[in-house]
Amino acid sequence: MDLQMLAADLISRTEAAVEQIAGLSAHTGITFKVADVVDAVERDLPSDYPAPATDGSLTRRHVIKSMAEDILTGAMYEGHA
């Protein structure tokens, strides 16, 4: 899977997790944290899902956290009206 496809897949998975967790939160009144979204995405990834190849300063969890924050704030969609 190339990097562009990998990013699109991870965004899609993160959007789905945000939608699910935010929906549950709205129905139950229980608040959630971005870390809950990250955990949900991580749990649903296949065991062989690629992780960033870095010195360890940027983990897949960091990437998912950033995506989730951008989805929740709307920054992910700015300029895509």
C-alpha atoms as a PDB file:
ATOM      1  CA  MET A   1       0.000   0.000   0.000  1.00  0.00           C
ATOM      2  CA  ASP A   2       1.520   3.359  -0.957  1.00  0.00           C
ATOM      3  CA  LEU A   3       1.665   6.251   1.508  1.00  0.00           C
ATOM      4  CA  GLN A   4      -1.240   8.160  -0.031  1.00  0.00           C
ATOM      5  CA  MET A   5      -3.504   5.104   0.123  1.00  0.00           C
ATOM      6  CA  LEU A   6      -2.322   4.345   3.652  1.00  0.00           C
ATOM      7  CA  ALA A   7      -3.112   7.899   4.796  1.00  0.00           C
ATOM      8  CA  ALA A   8      -6.564   7.785   3.174  1.00  0.00           C
ATOM      9  CA  ASP A   9      -7.290   4.433   4.822  1.00  0.00           C
ATOM     10  CA  LEU A  10      -6.183   5.641   8.237  1.00  0.00           C
ATOM     11  CA  ILE A  11      -8.271   8.819   7.873  1.00  0.00           C
ATOM     12  CA  SER A  12     -11.309   6.727   6.960  1.00  0.00           C
ATOM     13  CA  ARG A  13     -10.794   4.432   9.940  1.00  0.00           C
ATOM     14  CA  THR A  14     -10.331   7.418  12.242  1.00  0.00           C
ATOM     15  CA  GLU A  15     -13.461   9.147  10.910  1.00  0.00           C
ATOM     16  CA  ALA A  16     -15.464   5.974  11.541  1.00  0.00           C
ATOM     17  CA  ALA A  17     -14.137   5.701  15.099  1.00  0.00           C
ATOM     18  CA  VAL A  18     -14.890   9.378  15.801  1.00  0.00           C
ATOM     19  CA  GLU A  19     -18.416   8.950  14.450  1.00  0.00           C
ATOM     20  CA  GLN A  20     -19.032   5.838  16.524  1.00  0.00           C
ATOM     21  CA  ILE A  21     -17.589   7.185  19.767  1.00  0.00           C
ATOM     22  CA  ALA A  22     -19.135  10.648  19.412  1.00  0.00           C
ATOM     23  CA  GLY A  23     -22.490   9.028  18.672  1.00  0.00           C
ATOM     24  CA  LEU A  24     -22.272   6.882  21.768  1.00  0.00           C
ATOM     25  CA  SER A  25     -21.273   9.929  23.771  1.00  0.00           C
ATOM     26  CA  ALA A  26     -24.252  11.904  22.480  1.00  0.00           C
ATOM     27  CA  HIS A  27     -26.662   9.101  23.355  1.00  0.00           C
ATOM     28  CA  THR A  28     -25.235   8.281  26.778  1.00  0.00           C
ATOM     29  CA  GLY A  29     -23.944  11.650  27.937  1.00  0.00           C
ATOM     30  CA  ILE A  30     -20.589  10.069  28.731  1.00  0.00           C
ATOM     31  CA  THR A  31     -17.712  12.228  27.593  1.00  0.00           C
ATOM     32  CA  PHE A  32     -14.813  10.862  25.616  1.00  0.00           C
ATOM     33  CA  LYS A  33     -11.200  11.780  25.001  1.00  0.00           C
ATOM     34  CA  VAL A  34      -9.207  11.746  21.790  1.00  0.00           C
ATOM     35  CA  ALA A  35      -7.242   8.868  23.322  1.00  0.00           C
ATOM     36  CA  ASP A  36     -10.467   6.807  23.229  1.00  0.00           C
ATOM     37  CA  VAL A  37     -10.624   7.337  19.463  1.00  0.00           C
ATOM     38  CA  VAL A  38      -6.961   6.401  19.089  1.00  0.00           C
ATOM     39  CA  ASP A  39      -7.516   3.216  21.090  1.00  0.00           C
ATOM     40  CA  ALA A  40     -10.547   2.278  18.990  1.00  0.00           C
ATOM     41  CA  VAL A  41      -8.651   2.756  15.724  1.00  0.00           C
ATOM     42  CA  GLU A  42      -5.636   0.813  17.002  1.00  0.00           C
ATOM     43  CA  ARG A  43      -7.839  -2.076  18.186  1.00  0.00           C
ATOM     44  CA  ASP A  44      -9.426  -2.432  14.761  1.00  0.00           C
ATOM     45  CA  LEU A  45      -6.206  -2.374  12.734  1.00  0.00           C
ATOM     46  CA  PRO A  46      -4.935  -5.638  11.281  1.00  0.00           C
ATOM     47  CA  SER A  47      -1.834  -6.946  13.044  1.00  0.00           C
ATOM     48  CA  ASP A  48       0.290  -6.307   9.955  1.00  0.00           C
ATOM     49  CA  TYR A  49      -0.872  -2.695   9.477  1.00  0.00           C
ATOM     50  CA  PRO A  50       2.130  -0.492   8.664  1.00  0.00           C
ATOM     51  CA  ALA A  51       3.554   1.890  11.232  1.00  0.00           C
ATOM     52  CA  PRO A  52       5.686   4.955  10.533  1.00  0.00           C
ATOM     53  CA  ALA A  53       9.312   4.085   9.955  1.00  0.00           C
ATOM     54  CA  THR A  54      11.010   6.699  12.114  1.00  0.00           C
ATOM     55  CA  ASP A  55      13.352   7.018  15.029  1.00  0.00           C
ATOM     56  CA  GLY A  56      10.384   6.463  17.329  1.00  0.00           C
ATOM     57  CA  SER A  57       9.468  10.113  17.823  1.00  0.00           C
ATOM     58  CA  LEU A  58       6.427   9.788  15.543  1.00  0.00           C
ATOM     59  CA  THR A  59       4.334   6.735  16.250  1.00  0.00           C
ATOM     60  CA  ARG A  60       1.166   5.568  14.530  1.00  0.00           C
ATOM     61  CA  ARG A  61      -0.719   6.630  17.676  1.00  0.00           C
ATOM     62  CA  HIS A  62       0.615  10.186  17.213  1.00  0.00           C
ATOM     63  CA  VAL A  63      -0.622  10.192  13.614  1.00  0.00           C
ATOM     64  CA  ILE A  64      -4.068   8.885  14.583  1.00  0.00           C
ATOM     65  CA  LYS A  65      -4.306  11.401  17.457  1.00  0.00           C
ATOM     66  CA  SER A  66      -3.521  14.257  15.088  1.00  0.00           C
ATOM     67  CA  MET A  67      -6.084  12.992  12.568  1.00  0.00           C
ATOM     68  CA  ALA A  68      -8.753  12.615  15.262  1.00  0.00           C
ATOM     69  CA  GLU A  69      -8.132  16.140  16.546  1.00  0.00           C
ATOM     70  CA  ASP A  70      -8.359  17.517  13.013  1.00  0.00           C
ATOM     71  CA  ILE A  71     -11.606  15.632  12.413  1.00  0.00           C
ATOM     72  CA  LEU A  72     -13.151  16.803  15.690  1.00  0.00           C
ATOM     73  CA  THR A  73     -12.187  20.453  15.158  1.00  0.00           C
ATOM     74  CA  GLY A  74     -13.117  20.428  11.476  1.00  0.00           C
ATOM     75  CA  ALA A  75      -9.565  21.303  10.401  1.00  0.00           C
ATOM     76  CA  MET A  76      -9.484  18.129   8.301  1.00  0.00           C
ATOM     77  CA  TYR A  77     -12.230  19.535   6.097  1.00  0.00           C
ATOM     78  CA  GLU A  78     -11.270  23.196   5.806  1.00  0.00           C
ATOM     79  CA  GLY A  79     -11.170  24.183   2.163  1.00  0.00           C
ATOM     80  CA  HIS A  80     -13.121  21.076   1.092  1.00  0.00           C
ATOM     81  CA  ALA A  81     -16.610  22.521   0.908  1.00  0.00           C
END
